[in-house]
Protein backbone atom coordinates (compact mmCIF):
# COMPACT_ATOMS: atom_id res chain seq x y z
CA MET A 1 -18.14 61.95 -33.83
CA VAL A 2 -19.82 65.07 -32.42
CA LEU A 3 -17.50 66.85 -29.95
CA ASP A 4 -14.82 64.20 -30.50
CA ASP A 5 -12.17 66.87 -29.93
CA LEU A 6 -13.58 67.39 -26.44
CA GLY A 7 -13.26 63.69 -25.64
CA SER A 8 -9.69 63.53 -26.94
CA SER A 9 -8.44 66.62 -25.10
CA LEU A 10 -10.23 65.69 -21.86
CA ARG A 11 -8.71 62.22 -21.87
CA GLY A 12 -5.26 63.75 -22.25
CA THR A 13 -5.83 66.21 -19.41
CA LEU A 14 -7.34 63.62 -17.06
CA ASP A 15 -4.44 61.25 -17.69
CA LYS A 16 -2.20 63.80 -15.96
CA LEU A 17 -4.09 63.02 -12.75
CA ARG A 18 -3.10 59.33 -12.78
CA GLY A 19 -1.44 58.31 -9.55
CA LYS A 20 -2.70 61.33 -7.60
CA SER A 21 -4.80 60.72 -4.50
CA ARG A 22 -5.82 64.37 -4.17
CA ILE A 23 -6.33 67.17 -6.68
CA SER A 24 -5.29 70.78 -6.47
CA GLU A 25 -7.09 73.90 -7.62
CA GLU A 26 -4.48 74.19 -10.39
CA ASP A 27 -5.45 70.72 -11.66
CA ILE A 28 -9.11 71.69 -11.80
CA GLU A 29 -8.34 74.99 -13.53
CA GLU A 30 -6.46 73.13 -16.26
CA ILE A 31 -9.33 70.68 -16.80
CA VAL A 32 -11.93 73.47 -16.88
CA LYS A 33 -9.86 75.44 -19.42
CA GLU A 34 -9.68 72.36 -21.67
CA ILE A 35 -13.46 71.94 -21.45
CA GLN A 36 -14.06 75.61 -22.25
CA ARG A 37 -11.62 75.57 -25.19
CA SER A 38 -13.10 72.42 -26.71
CA LEU A 39 -16.74 73.41 -26.31
CA LEU A 40 -16.26 76.95 -27.61
CA SER A 41 -14.34 75.68 -30.65
CA ALA A 42 -17.23 73.27 -31.25
CA ASP A 43 -19.66 76.25 -31.45
CA VAL A 44 -21.43 75.59 -28.14
CA ASP A 45 -23.05 78.78 -26.81
CA VAL A 46 -20.80 80.75 -24.41
CA SER A 47 -23.37 80.87 -21.61
CA LEU A 48 -23.75 77.08 -21.70
CA VAL A 49 -19.99 76.60 -21.61
CA MET A 50 -19.56 78.87 -18.59
CA GLU A 51 -22.40 77.22 -16.70
CA LEU A 52 -20.96 73.75 -17.29
CA SER A 53 -17.38 74.67 -16.38
CA ASP A 54 -18.49 76.54 -13.23
CA ASN A 55 -20.47 73.49 -12.08
CA ILE A 56 -17.52 71.16 -12.64
CA LYS A 57 -15.11 73.45 -10.82
CA GLU A 58 -17.44 73.97 -7.86
CA ARG A 59 -18.15 70.24 -7.42
CA ALA A 60 -14.53 69.16 -7.84
CA LEU A 61 -13.31 71.61 -5.18
CA GLU A 62 -16.14 71.25 -2.69
CA GLU A 63 -17.18 67.60 -2.83
CA GLU A 64 -15.22 64.98 -0.93
CA PRO A 65 -14.21 61.97 -3.05
CA PRO A 66 -15.24 58.54 -1.70
CA ALA A 67 -12.53 56.81 0.33
CA GLY A 68 -9.95 55.09 -1.86
CA THR A 69 -11.14 56.75 -5.08
CA PRO A 70 -8.25 58.01 -7.28
CA ALA A 71 -8.37 61.71 -8.16
CA ARG A 72 -8.71 60.95 -11.88
CA ASP A 73 -11.78 58.75 -11.39
CA PHE A 74 -13.39 61.30 -9.06
CA VAL A 75 -13.01 64.14 -11.56
CA LEU A 76 -14.01 61.86 -14.46
CA ARG A 77 -17.27 61.05 -12.71
CA ILE A 78 -18.06 64.74 -12.14
CA VAL A 79 -17.28 65.62 -15.79
CA TYR A 80 -19.39 62.68 -16.95
CA GLU A 81 -22.41 63.64 -14.82
CA GLU A 82 -22.26 67.32 -15.79
CA LEU A 83 -21.97 66.52 -19.52
CA VAL A 84 -24.96 64.18 -19.28
CA GLY A 85 -26.81 66.98 -17.50
CA LEU A 86 -25.87 69.45 -20.26
CA ILE A 87 -27.21 67.20 -23.02
CA GLY A 88 -30.26 66.09 -21.02
CA ASP A 89 -32.48 63.06 -21.40
CA SER A 90 -33.40 61.43 -24.68
CA THR A 91 -36.63 62.63 -26.33
CA GLU A 92 -39.54 60.48 -25.22
CA LEU A 93 -40.80 58.42 -28.15
CA PRO A 94 -43.11 55.63 -26.95
CA LEU A 95 -43.34 52.46 -29.05
CA GLU A 96 -47.00 53.01 -29.90
CA GLU A 97 -49.21 54.73 -32.47
CA GLN A 98 -48.09 58.32 -33.06
CA THR A 99 -47.49 61.03 -35.65
CA ILE A 100 -44.09 62.73 -35.90
CA LEU A 101 -43.52 65.98 -37.81
CA LEU A 102 -40.00 66.78 -39.07
CA ALA A 103 -38.88 70.39 -39.56
CA GLY A 104 -35.61 71.98 -40.62
CA LEU A 105 -33.79 73.94 -43.30
CA GLN A 106 -32.94 72.55 -46.74
CA GLY A 107 -29.92 70.25 -46.62
CA SER A 108 -30.27 69.38 -42.94
CA GLY A 109 -31.08 65.75 -43.74
CA LYS A 110 -34.84 65.61 -43.08
CA THR A 111 -35.72 63.30 -45.97
CA THR A 112 -32.96 60.81 -45.18
CA SER A 113 -33.83 60.98 -41.47
CA SER A 114 -37.51 60.27 -42.13
CA ALA A 115 -36.66 56.94 -43.84
CA LYS A 116 -34.04 56.06 -41.20
CA MET A 117 -36.49 56.72 -38.37
CA ALA A 118 -39.14 54.64 -40.14
CA TRP A 119 -36.64 51.79 -40.45
CA TRP A 120 -35.81 52.11 -36.74
CA PHE A 121 -39.48 51.89 -35.73
CA SER A 122 -39.93 48.87 -38.01
CA THR A 123 -37.18 47.04 -36.07
CA LYS A 124 -39.23 47.58 -32.91
CA GLY A 125 -42.22 45.69 -34.31
CA LEU A 126 -44.24 48.73 -35.46
CA ARG A 127 -45.52 49.53 -38.94
CA PRO A 128 -44.26 52.99 -39.96
CA ALA A 129 -45.13 55.15 -42.96
CA VAL A 130 -43.36 58.20 -44.37
CA ILE A 131 -45.45 61.00 -45.85
CA GLN A 132 -43.43 63.26 -48.17
CA THR A 133 -44.91 66.79 -48.39
CA ASP A 134 -41.92 68.63 -49.89
CA THR A 135 -43.11 70.20 -53.14
CA PHE A 136 -40.37 72.87 -53.11
CA ARG A 137 -37.18 70.85 -53.72
CA PRO A 138 -36.85 69.06 -57.07
CA GLY A 139 -36.12 65.41 -56.51
CA ALA A 140 -37.47 65.31 -52.94
CA TYR A 141 -40.27 62.88 -53.85
CA GLN A 142 -37.96 60.48 -55.71
CA GLN A 143 -35.31 60.56 -52.98
CA ALA A 144 -37.86 59.83 -50.26
CA LYS A 145 -39.45 57.03 -52.30
CA GLU A 146 -36.12 55.32 -52.96
CA MET A 147 -34.99 55.64 -49.33
CA CYS A 148 -38.25 54.13 -48.09
CA GLU A 149 -37.94 51.25 -50.56
CA ARG A 150 -34.48 50.52 -49.17
CA ALA A 151 -35.86 50.72 -45.63
CA GLU A 152 -38.79 48.48 -46.66
CA VAL A 153 -41.40 50.82 -45.13
CA ASP A 154 -44.67 52.32 -46.40
CA PHE A 155 -44.45 55.59 -48.32
CA TYR A 156 -46.87 58.21 -49.59
CA GLY A 157 -46.21 61.21 -51.80
CA ASN A 158 -47.73 62.82 -54.88
CA PRO A 159 -45.37 64.48 -57.38
CA ASP A 160 -48.34 65.78 -59.39
CA ASN A 161 -49.80 67.73 -56.45
CA ASP A 162 -48.19 71.04 -55.48
CA ASP A 163 -50.26 71.54 -52.30
CA PRO A 164 -48.23 70.16 -49.34
CA VAL A 165 -51.16 70.48 -46.93
CA GLU A 166 -53.43 68.41 -49.18
CA ILE A 167 -50.63 65.82 -49.62
CA ALA A 168 -50.31 65.56 -45.83
CA ARG A 169 -54.07 65.09 -45.41
CA ASN A 170 -54.30 62.48 -48.17
CA GLY A 171 -51.18 60.76 -46.88
CA LEU A 172 -52.69 60.16 -43.45
CA GLU A 173 -55.78 58.65 -45.10
CA GLU A 174 -53.82 56.45 -47.55
CA THR A 175 -51.53 55.10 -44.81
CA SER A 176 -54.18 54.75 -42.12
CA ASP A 177 -53.04 51.17 -41.38
CA ALA A 178 -49.63 52.40 -40.21
CA ASP A 179 -48.79 52.65 -36.50
CA VAL A 180 -46.29 55.50 -36.85
CA HIS A 181 -46.67 58.35 -39.35
CA ILE A 182 -43.52 60.38 -40.07
CA VAL A 183 -44.31 63.58 -41.98
CA ASP A 184 -41.38 65.09 -43.89
CA THR A 185 -41.74 68.78 -44.70
CA ALA A 186 -40.05 71.17 -47.11
CA GLY A 187 -37.03 73.25 -46.17
CA ARG A 188 -35.52 76.46 -47.48
CA HIS A 189 -32.01 77.89 -47.58
CA ALA A 190 -33.09 80.28 -44.83
CA LEU A 191 -35.97 80.78 -42.43
CA GLU A 192 -38.46 82.49 -44.77
CA ASP A 193 -42.02 83.47 -43.90
CA ASP A 194 -43.59 81.14 -46.48
CA LEU A 195 -41.71 78.18 -44.96
CA ILE A 196 -43.04 78.98 -41.50
CA ASP A 197 -46.59 79.49 -42.82
CA GLU A 198 -46.46 76.18 -44.73
CA ILE A 199 -45.23 74.10 -41.80
CA GLU A 200 -47.82 75.69 -39.48
CA ASP A 201 -50.58 74.72 -41.96
CA ILE A 202 -49.26 71.14 -42.18
CA GLU A 203 -49.06 70.92 -38.40
CA GLY A 204 -52.70 71.99 -38.17
CA VAL A 205 -53.73 69.10 -40.44
CA VAL A 206 -51.58 66.27 -39.09
CA GLN A 207 -51.78 67.23 -35.39
CA PRO A 208 -48.41 65.64 -34.52
CA ASP A 209 -47.73 64.01 -31.19
CA THR A 210 -44.07 65.02 -31.53
CA SER A 211 -42.31 67.70 -33.59
CA LEU A 212 -38.60 67.13 -34.23
CA LEU A 213 -36.10 69.69 -35.54
CA VAL A 214 -33.51 68.12 -37.87
CA LEU A 215 -30.07 69.75 -37.67
CA ASP A 216 -26.85 69.07 -39.52
CA ALA A 217 -24.06 68.47 -36.98
CA ALA A 218 -22.01 71.09 -38.87
CA ILE A 219 -24.40 73.90 -37.96
CA GLY A 220 -22.77 76.63 -35.91
CA GLN A 221 -24.07 79.54 -33.84
CA GLY A 222 -26.94 80.03 -36.32
CA ALA A 223 -28.65 77.06 -34.68
CA LYS A 224 -29.84 79.27 -31.84
CA ASP A 225 -32.01 81.58 -33.96
CA GLN A 226 -33.21 78.73 -36.17
CA ALA A 227 -34.28 76.64 -33.20
CA GLN A 228 -36.02 79.57 -31.56
CA GLN A 229 -38.11 80.43 -34.64
CA PHE A 230 -39.18 76.84 -35.30
CA ASP A 231 -40.01 76.43 -31.63
CA GLU A 232 -42.17 79.55 -31.63
CA SER A 233 -43.92 78.34 -34.80
CA ILE A 234 -44.77 74.69 -34.09
CA GLY A 235 -43.12 73.87 -30.76
CA ILE A 236 -40.03 71.65 -30.86
CA ASP A 237 -40.07 68.51 -28.69
CA GLY A 238 -36.71 67.10 -29.73
CA VAL A 239 -33.76 67.32 -32.11
CA VAL A 240 -32.36 64.88 -34.67
CA ILE A 241 -28.62 65.46 -35.25
CA THR A 242 -27.45 64.28 -38.67
CA LYS A 243 -24.05 63.61 -40.26
CA ILE A 244 -22.15 63.10 -37.01
CA ASP A 245 -19.89 60.61 -38.78
CA GLY A 246 -18.01 63.45 -40.47
CA THR A 247 -15.73 66.18 -39.14
CA ALA A 248 -18.61 68.37 -37.92
CA LYS A 249 -18.23 70.17 -34.61
CA GLY A 250 -21.78 69.59 -33.37
CA GLY A 251 -21.91 72.28 -30.71
CA GLY A 252 -24.62 74.27 -32.49
CA ALA A 253 -26.99 71.32 -32.22
CA LEU A 254 -26.45 71.17 -28.44
CA THR A 255 -27.18 74.90 -28.29
CA ALA A 256 -30.46 74.28 -30.16
CA VAL A 257 -31.45 71.64 -27.61
CA ASP A 258 -30.91 74.14 -24.80
CA GLN A 259 -32.65 76.97 -26.67
CA THR A 260 -35.83 74.94 -27.23
CA ASP A 261 -35.70 73.31 -23.79
CA SER A 262 -35.99 69.99 -25.62
CA SER A 263 -33.77 66.93 -25.98
CA ILE A 264 -32.03 64.79 -28.61
CA ALA A 265 -34.09 62.02 -30.21
CA PHE A 266 -31.82 60.40 -32.82
CA LEU A 267 -28.28 60.55 -34.18
CA GLY A 268 -27.60 60.03 -37.89
CA THR A 269 -24.30 58.15 -38.14
CA GLY A 270 -23.89 57.44 -41.86
CA GLU A 271 -25.52 57.34 -45.29
CA GLU A 272 -27.36 54.00 -45.16
CA VAL A 273 -30.92 53.67 -43.81
CA GLN A 274 -29.61 51.55 -40.92
CA ASP A 275 -27.15 54.28 -39.87
CA ILE A 276 -29.25 55.76 -37.09
CA GLU A 277 -29.09 55.49 -33.31
CA ARG A 278 -31.68 56.27 -30.70
CA PHE A 279 -29.93 58.86 -28.56
CA GLU A 280 -28.98 57.68 -25.07
CA PRO A 281 -27.09 60.36 -23.10
CA ASP A 282 -25.27 57.94 -20.77
CA GLY A 283 -23.85 55.85 -23.59
CA PHE A 284 -23.08 58.89 -25.78
CA ILE A 285 -21.02 60.66 -23.11
CA SER A 286 -19.45 57.37 -22.05
CA ARG A 287 -18.18 56.86 -25.62
CA LEU A 288 -17.02 60.47 -25.76
CA LEU A 289 -14.83 59.92 -22.69
CA GLY A 290 -13.45 56.63 -24.02
CA MET A 291 -15.40 54.36 -21.67
CA GLY A 292 -17.40 52.43 -24.26
CA ASP A 293 -21.13 51.80 -24.68
CA LEU A 294 -21.94 48.12 -24.29
CA GLY A 295 -25.69 48.74 -24.66
CA GLN A 296 -25.38 50.22 -28.16
CA LEU A 297 -22.70 47.65 -29.05
CA ALA A 298 -24.99 44.75 -28.06
CA GLU A 299 -27.80 46.18 -30.22
CA ARG A 300 -25.50 46.45 -33.25
CA VAL A 301 -24.13 42.95 -32.73
CA GLU A 302 -27.62 41.45 -32.48
CA ARG A 303 -28.79 43.29 -35.59
CA ALA A 304 -25.68 42.33 -37.58
CA MET A 305 -25.90 38.65 -36.61
CA GLU A 306 -29.59 38.52 -37.51
CA GLN A 307 -28.88 40.16 -40.86
CA THR A 308 -26.02 37.73 -41.58
CA GLN A 309 -28.21 34.72 -40.69
CA VAL A 310 -30.98 35.97 -42.97
CA GLU A 311 -28.45 36.15 -45.82
CA GLU A 312 -27.13 32.66 -44.98
CA ASP A 313 -29.94 30.44 -43.67
CA ASP A 314 -27.74 27.43 -42.94
CA TRP A 315 -25.27 29.32 -40.72
CA ASP A 316 -25.79 29.53 -36.95
CA PRO A 317 -23.09 31.43 -34.98
CA GLU A 318 -23.75 29.27 -31.89
CA ASP A 319 -22.45 26.23 -33.81
CA MET A 320 -18.95 27.72 -33.55
CA LEU A 321 -19.01 27.34 -29.77
CA GLN A 322 -20.00 23.67 -29.97
CA GLY A 323 -18.07 22.22 -32.91
CA SER A 324 -15.09 23.02 -35.07
CA PHE A 325 -14.34 26.57 -36.26
CA THR A 326 -13.95 26.80 -40.05
CA LEU A 327 -13.04 29.46 -42.59
CA HIS A 328 -16.73 29.48 -43.51
CA ASP A 329 -17.47 30.63 -39.92
CA MET A 330 -14.70 33.22 -40.12
CA GLN A 331 -16.12 34.64 -43.35
CA LYS A 332 -19.58 34.94 -41.81
CA GLN A 333 -18.11 36.62 -38.74
CA MET A 334 -16.45 39.19 -41.00
CA GLU A 335 -19.74 39.79 -42.83
CA ALA A 336 -21.44 40.35 -39.48
CA MET A 337 -18.70 42.82 -38.50
CA ASN A 338 -19.24 44.67 -41.77
CA ASN A 339 -22.99 44.81 -41.05
CA MET A 340 -22.26 46.49 -37.71
CA GLY A 341 -21.06 49.64 -39.46
CA PRO A 342 -17.76 51.56 -39.60
CA LEU A 343 -15.05 50.00 -37.46
CA ASP A 344 -14.14 53.25 -35.68
CA GLN A 345 -17.75 53.59 -34.44
CA VAL A 346 -17.72 49.99 -33.19
CA MET A 347 -14.40 50.54 -31.38
CA ASP A 348 -15.84 53.57 -29.59
CA MET A 349 -18.44 51.25 -28.02
CA ILE A 350 -15.94 48.73 -26.63
CA PRO A 351 -14.73 49.57 -23.10
CA GLY A 352 -10.97 50.05 -23.12
CA PHE A 353 -10.72 50.23 -26.94
CA GLY A 354 -12.37 53.54 -27.82
CA GLY A 355 -11.06 56.92 -26.76
CA GLY A 356 -7.47 56.82 -25.54
CA ILE A 357 -6.37 53.70 -27.43
CA LYS A 358 -7.99 54.88 -30.66
CA ASP A 359 -6.32 58.30 -30.25
CA GLN A 360 -2.92 56.59 -30.44
CA LEU A 361 -3.64 54.83 -33.73
CA PRO A 362 -2.66 56.30 -37.12
CA ASP A 363 -5.45 58.24 -38.84
CA ASP A 364 -5.83 55.55 -41.52
CA ALA A 365 -5.69 52.58 -39.14
CA MET A 366 -9.43 51.85 -39.35
CA ASP A 367 -9.43 52.09 -43.15
CA VAL A 368 -6.43 49.74 -43.36
CA THR A 369 -8.15 47.19 -41.12
CA GLN A 370 -11.36 47.28 -43.16
CA ASP A 371 -9.39 46.99 -46.41
CA ARG A 372 -7.69 43.91 -44.94
CA MET A 373 -11.05 42.36 -44.09
CA ARG A 374 -12.29 42.97 -47.63
CA LYS A 375 -9.12 41.36 -49.05
CA PHE A 376 -9.59 38.32 -46.80
CA SER A 377 -13.17 37.97 -48.02
CA VAL A 378 -12.05 38.01 -51.68
CA ILE A 379 -9.44 35.34 -50.91
CA MET A 380 -12.03 33.09 -49.24
CA ASP A 381 -14.35 33.51 -52.23
CA SER A 382 -11.59 31.89 -54.32
CA MET A 383 -11.47 28.78 -52.11
CA THR A 384 -13.41 25.58 -52.56
CA GLU A 385 -15.98 24.53 -49.95
CA ALA A 386 -13.65 21.71 -48.87
CA GLU A 387 -10.81 24.19 -48.29
CA LYS A 388 -13.07 26.40 -46.18
CA GLU A 389 -14.18 23.42 -44.09
CA TYR A 390 -10.64 21.99 -43.63
CA PRO A 391 -8.20 24.96 -43.94
CA LYS A 392 -5.39 23.02 -42.22
CA ALA A 393 -5.15 20.85 -45.33
CA ILE A 394 -4.33 23.82 -47.58
CA GLY A 395 -0.83 23.33 -48.99
CA ALA A 396 1.65 25.35 -51.08
CA SER A 397 0.08 24.50 -54.46
CA GLN A 398 -3.38 25.45 -53.22
CA ILE A 399 -2.07 28.72 -51.78
CA GLU A 400 -0.58 29.55 -55.20
CA ARG A 401 -3.90 28.75 -56.96
CA ILE A 402 -5.98 30.76 -54.44
CA ALA A 403 -3.68 33.80 -54.71
CA ARG A 404 -3.88 33.70 -58.52
CA GLY A 405 -7.67 33.27 -58.49
CA SER A 406 -8.25 36.13 -56.01
CA GLY A 407 -5.76 38.55 -57.57
CA THR A 408 -3.76 38.71 -54.33
CA SER A 409 -0.32 37.53 -53.25
CA GLU A 410 0.63 34.22 -51.66
CA GLU A 411 1.73 36.23 -48.63
CA ASP A 412 -1.83 37.60 -48.32
CA VAL A 413 -3.25 34.06 -48.35
CA ARG A 414 -0.78 32.93 -45.67
CA GLU A 415 -1.70 35.98 -43.57
CA LEU A 416 -5.37 34.96 -43.77
CA LEU A 417 -4.55 31.40 -42.68
CA GLN A 418 -2.50 32.75 -39.77
CA GLN A 419 -5.41 34.99 -38.75
CA TYR A 420 -7.70 31.96 -38.91
CA LYS A 421 -5.41 30.02 -36.55
CA MET A 422 -5.50 32.87 -34.02
CA MET A 423 -9.30 33.09 -34.18
CA GLU A 424 -9.62 29.31 -33.86
CA LYS A 425 -7.51 29.43 -30.70
CA THR A 426 -9.75 32.17 -29.26
CA ILE A 427 -12.91 30.20 -30.05
CA LYS A 428 -11.47 27.15 -28.28
CA GLN A 429 -10.93 29.29 -25.19
CA PHE A 430 -14.61 30.23 -25.28
CA GLN A 431 -15.54 26.57 -25.69
CA GLY A 432 -13.45 25.72 -22.63
CA MET A 433 -15.11 28.23 -20.32
CA GLY A 434 -17.75 25.72 -19.41
CA SER A 435 -20.03 27.99 -17.41
CA ASP A 436 -21.93 31.27 -17.47
CA LYS A 437 -19.91 32.41 -14.45
CA GLU A 438 -16.69 32.28 -16.47
CA MET A 439 -18.30 34.37 -19.22
CA GLN A 440 -19.58 36.90 -16.67
CA ARG A 441 -16.11 37.14 -15.13
CA MET A 442 -14.59 37.91 -18.52
CA MET A 443 -17.23 40.58 -19.30
CA LYS A 444 -16.60 42.18 -15.90
CA GLN A 445 -12.90 42.38 -16.69
CA MET A 446 -13.69 44.06 -20.01
CA GLN A 447 -15.85 46.67 -18.30
CA GLN A 448 -13.20 47.44 -15.68
CA GLN A 449 -10.62 48.08 -18.39
CA GLY A 450 -12.64 50.99 -19.77
CA GLY A 451 -12.33 54.51 -18.38
CA GLY A 452 -9.53 53.87 -15.89
CA GLY A 453 -11.47 52.11 -13.16
CA GLY A 454 -14.73 53.88 -13.86
CA GLY A 455 -15.99 50.80 -15.66
CA GLY A 456 -17.48 50.42 -19.11
CA GLY A 457 -20.73 51.98 -20.25
CA MET A 458 -23.71 49.69 -19.84
CA GLY A 459 -26.34 51.26 -22.06
CA GLY A 460 -28.75 53.39 -20.05
CA MET A 461 -26.96 52.70 -16.75
CA GLY A 462 -23.90 54.72 -17.61
CA PRO A 463 -20.34 53.73 -16.78
CA PHE A 464 -20.72 54.45 -13.09
CA GLY A 465 -23.66 52.06 -12.62
């Protein structure tokens, strides 16, 4: 994740404050140095780093912590608020008719982002259309067309026309029924005059309501000049940061936001069209500091469950809480988990599980867990419907047959059955709660486990409510 090194090092430094009721100037100096080191190594502009660290130091030394507040929680809150202030609000994108123009260099991820954004708008009940105007890059038209087909959104492009301005004009006319028009433009390997002239001409035709600069999270200090030139040319209202699921540092993108006096609109979190998040500063920083993001988690869960139900019309997850829990239910739960995206991203959103706990796990822990889930799914595919409905009746001979049919070991099958028993026990606990108050009490406990007393992130509210 972007600036993940900052989150990891800050958590380690803040943990040294556990048990302290008051903090010294030496404590603050150590925290500020960690922040400076992490941000500078992530390619954040020096002036931004100094401004942020000075603000944190001044507030931590001059403000009085509320009575009974541990030193760690007091400093954590200041760091959280100042980081949110550094990143700023999310770009305003109303759920109504609008035209969005995407700009950026070649390879930044504009074409992929255009389809992802269109998919996102479609989930909000709007009809989007992507207009592909890139006549410079071979394959741009085909890539955009295929991505839009996967996103199931309208698309316009013309591979036989080499005039991007005319394509933009015709595209608006051909997709006039759409609510949201997303215009993808050509990029270059560098900021060349013909690129600037072309995008200015397209802007004049489409008259966008919002212009977004698409930046690869790996971009370094060069982001400053790039952002400034695009801003002077067409005016940048927001930034889309792509490829944050890799090892990219991400600081250059934050510098671009500051340089253009804009904000972040979307985060690209993977290669699929669904791998996009509307940027919410509270939840983003909350995840960074290991305090979870229940708002984003709830959205992913809802989307995954809906997708799983569409694939399996006769399965309703609420039935599990009213009747018996079967291996069929377990398999559908695993499919829903898979639809939520990479497990490490999901863990970051759970208060008490992301951040510090994840830092202690082996590097391949998430991959091992997902491999295990895939193996379990293969095993269940080798079972009969009766075995899935009544797993307690599965005996030694059946275990041998299932292992042989799935290409796994008998030990793997027994491990699956043991996992099923544990999940069944958990489901019965949910069934025995009996009231909404019990559920609310459990959720409150979850939130309090995240961030060392600061609470868990609750979407736009932030972890400090």
